[in-house]
Amino acid sequence: MDIYSIDRDLDSEYRRLDKIPENERTQIIDFVNEIKITGITKYREYFYMVRLRMIYGILWINS
């Protein structure tokens, strides 16, 4: 049993990406998919998803 519910957290993070415009969302997902090939864990995938979404939000607000 996984006490951190990483699958639930990842699903939630992918749903949050739906609020981002398609081009930027696609770039974030493509990047994460590319690094998944290297064998990163789901926790690292979640780390990147959260950080990239947050960076997008900061850049969007400041533009």
N, C-alpha and C. Protein backbone atom coordinates (compact mmCIF):
# COMPACT_ATOMS: atom_id res chain seq x y z
N MET A 1 0.84 -1.18 0.00
CA MET A 1 0.00 0.00 0.00
C MET A 1 0.88 1.24 0.00
N ASP A 2 0.58 2.16 -0.89
CA ASP A 2 1.36 3.39 -1.04
C ASP A 2 0.73 4.49 -0.20
N ILE A 3 1.45 4.94 0.82
CA ILE A 3 0.87 5.95 1.71
C ILE A 3 0.80 7.33 1.08
N TYR A 4 1.53 7.55 -0.02
CA TYR A 4 1.56 8.86 -0.64
C TYR A 4 0.56 9.03 -1.77
N SER A 5 -0.09 7.99 -2.21
CA SER A 5 -1.09 8.05 -3.28
C SER A 5 -0.58 8.80 -4.51
N ILE A 6 0.58 8.42 -4.96
CA ILE A 6 1.22 9.12 -6.07
C ILE A 6 0.38 9.05 -7.35
N ASP A 7 -0.29 7.94 -7.59
CA ASP A 7 -1.12 7.84 -8.79
C ASP A 7 -2.25 8.87 -8.75
N ARG A 8 -2.87 9.01 -7.60
CA ARG A 8 -3.93 10.02 -7.44
C ARG A 8 -3.38 11.43 -7.65
N ASP A 9 -2.21 11.69 -7.08
CA ASP A 9 -1.60 13.01 -7.21
C ASP A 9 -1.23 13.32 -8.66
N LEU A 10 -0.70 12.34 -9.37
CA LEU A 10 -0.35 12.54 -10.77
C LEU A 10 -1.60 12.80 -11.61
N ASP A 11 -2.65 12.03 -11.38
CA ASP A 11 -3.90 12.25 -12.11
C ASP A 11 -4.41 13.66 -11.87
N SER A 12 -4.36 14.09 -10.64
CA SER A 12 -4.80 15.43 -10.28
C SER A 12 -3.96 16.49 -10.97
N GLU A 13 -2.67 16.27 -11.04
CA GLU A 13 -1.78 17.24 -11.68
C GLU A 13 -2.04 17.32 -13.18
N TYR A 14 -2.28 16.17 -13.81
CA TYR A 14 -2.59 16.19 -15.24
C TYR A 14 -3.92 16.92 -15.49
N ARG A 15 -4.87 16.79 -14.58
CA ARG A 15 -6.14 17.52 -14.72
C ARG A 15 -5.93 19.03 -14.58
N ARG A 16 -5.03 19.41 -13.70
CA ARG A 16 -4.72 20.84 -13.54
C ARG A 16 -4.14 21.42 -14.83
N LEU A 17 -3.42 20.61 -15.57
CA LEU A 17 -2.84 21.09 -16.83
C LEU A 17 -3.91 21.46 -17.85
N ASP A 18 -5.12 20.94 -17.69
CA ASP A 18 -6.19 21.27 -18.62
C ASP A 18 -6.53 22.75 -18.61
N LYS A 19 -6.13 23.47 -17.57
CA LYS A 19 -6.40 24.90 -17.48
C LYS A 19 -5.36 25.73 -18.22
N ILE A 20 -4.31 25.09 -18.68
CA ILE A 20 -3.23 25.76 -19.41
C ILE A 20 -3.52 25.65 -20.91
N PRO A 21 -3.20 26.70 -21.69
CA PRO A 21 -3.41 26.62 -23.15
C PRO A 21 -2.72 25.39 -23.76
N GLU A 22 -3.32 24.91 -24.82
CA GLU A 22 -2.90 23.64 -25.42
C GLU A 22 -1.42 23.58 -25.77
N ASN A 23 -0.89 24.62 -26.36
CA ASN A 23 0.52 24.61 -26.78
C ASN A 23 1.45 24.42 -25.58
N GLU A 24 1.24 25.20 -24.54
CA GLU A 24 2.08 25.09 -23.36
C GLU A 24 1.87 23.76 -22.64
N ARG A 25 0.62 23.32 -22.57
CA ARG A 25 0.31 22.03 -21.94
C ARG A 25 1.04 20.90 -22.67
N THR A 26 1.01 20.93 -23.99
CA THR A 26 1.67 19.91 -24.79
C THR A 26 3.17 19.92 -24.56
N GLN A 27 3.75 21.10 -24.45
CA GLN A 27 5.19 21.18 -24.21
C GLN A 27 5.57 20.60 -22.85
N ILE A 28 4.78 20.88 -21.84
CA ILE A 28 5.05 20.34 -20.50
C ILE A 28 4.94 18.81 -20.53
N ILE A 29 3.88 18.30 -21.11
CA ILE A 29 3.67 16.85 -21.17
C ILE A 29 4.76 16.18 -22.00
N ASP A 30 5.14 16.79 -23.12
CA ASP A 30 6.20 16.23 -23.95
C ASP A 30 7.52 16.16 -23.19
N PHE A 31 7.82 17.21 -22.44
CA PHE A 31 9.06 17.22 -21.66
C PHE A 31 9.04 16.10 -20.62
N VAL A 32 7.95 15.99 -19.89
CA VAL A 32 7.87 14.96 -18.85
C VAL A 32 7.94 13.57 -19.47
N ASN A 33 7.26 13.37 -20.59
CA ASN A 33 7.32 12.07 -21.27
C ASN A 33 8.74 11.76 -21.72
N GLU A 34 9.46 12.78 -22.17
CA GLU A 34 10.83 12.58 -22.62
C GLU A 34 11.73 12.13 -21.48
N ILE A 35 11.59 12.74 -20.31
CA ILE A 35 12.46 12.34 -19.20
C ILE A 35 11.99 11.05 -18.55
N LYS A 36 10.73 10.67 -18.74
CA LYS A 36 10.26 9.38 -18.23
C LYS A 36 11.01 8.22 -18.88
N ILE A 37 11.47 8.44 -20.10
CA ILE A 37 12.22 7.41 -20.83
C ILE A 37 13.49 7.04 -20.06
N THR A 38 14.04 8.00 -19.31
CA THR A 38 15.28 7.75 -18.58
C THR A 38 15.06 6.87 -17.36
N GLY A 39 13.79 6.62 -17.02
CA GLY A 39 13.49 5.73 -15.90
C GLY A 39 13.20 6.44 -14.59
N ILE A 40 12.77 7.70 -14.66
CA ILE A 40 12.46 8.41 -13.42
C ILE A 40 11.26 7.77 -12.74
N THR A 41 11.16 7.98 -11.45
CA THR A 41 10.04 7.45 -10.69
C THR A 41 8.81 8.33 -10.87
N LYS A 42 7.68 7.81 -10.43
CA LYS A 42 6.44 8.59 -10.49
C LYS A 42 6.55 9.82 -9.60
N TYR A 43 7.31 9.72 -8.52
CA TYR A 43 7.49 10.86 -7.63
C TYR A 43 8.25 11.99 -8.33
N ARG A 44 9.27 11.62 -9.10
CA ARG A 44 10.03 12.62 -9.85
C ARG A 44 9.17 13.20 -10.97
N GLU A 45 8.36 12.37 -11.59
CA GLU A 45 7.43 12.85 -12.62
C GLU A 45 6.50 13.90 -12.02
N TYR A 46 5.97 13.60 -10.84
CA TYR A 46 5.09 14.54 -10.15
C TYR A 46 5.84 15.83 -9.82
N PHE A 47 7.07 15.70 -9.36
CA PHE A 47 7.91 16.86 -9.05
C PHE A 47 8.01 17.79 -10.25
N TYR A 48 8.33 17.22 -11.41
CA TYR A 48 8.46 18.03 -12.62
C TYR A 48 7.12 18.64 -13.04
N MET A 49 6.07 17.87 -12.96
CA MET A 49 4.75 18.38 -13.36
C MET A 49 4.37 19.60 -12.53
N VAL A 50 4.53 19.50 -11.22
CA VAL A 50 4.17 20.60 -10.33
C VAL A 50 5.03 21.82 -10.62
N ARG A 51 6.34 21.62 -10.71
CA ARG A 51 7.25 22.76 -10.91
C ARG A 51 7.01 23.44 -12.25
N LEU A 52 6.83 22.66 -13.30
CA LEU A 52 6.62 23.27 -14.61
C LEU A 52 5.29 24.02 -14.68
N ARG A 53 4.27 23.48 -14.04
CA ARG A 53 2.98 24.18 -14.01
C ARG A 53 3.12 25.49 -13.23
N MET A 54 3.84 25.46 -12.13
CA MET A 54 4.04 26.66 -11.32
C MET A 54 4.86 27.71 -12.08
N ILE A 55 5.88 27.27 -12.78
CA ILE A 55 6.70 28.19 -13.58
C ILE A 55 5.84 28.83 -14.66
N TYR A 56 5.02 28.04 -15.32
CA TYR A 56 4.13 28.60 -16.33
C TYR A 56 3.23 29.67 -15.71
N GLY A 57 2.68 29.37 -14.54
CA GLY A 57 1.79 30.33 -13.87
C GLY A 57 2.50 31.64 -13.56
N ILE A 58 3.73 31.55 -13.09
CA ILE A 58 4.50 32.75 -12.78
C ILE A 58 4.79 33.54 -14.04
N LEU A 59 5.20 32.85 -15.09
CA LEU A 59 5.49 33.54 -16.34
C LEU A 59 4.25 34.16 -16.96
N TRP A 60 3.13 33.48 -16.85
CA TRP A 60 1.88 33.98 -17.42
C TRP A 60 1.43 35.24 -16.67
N ILE A 61 1.54 35.23 -15.35
CA ILE A 61 1.13 36.39 -14.55
C ILE A 61 2.03 37.59 -14.86
N ASN A 62 3.31 37.35 -15.07
CA ASN A 62 4.26 38.45 -15.29
C ASN A 62 4.35 38.88 -16.75
N SER A 63 3.56 38.31 -17.61
CA SER A 63 3.65 38.69 -19.03
C SER A 63 2.65 39.76 -19.39
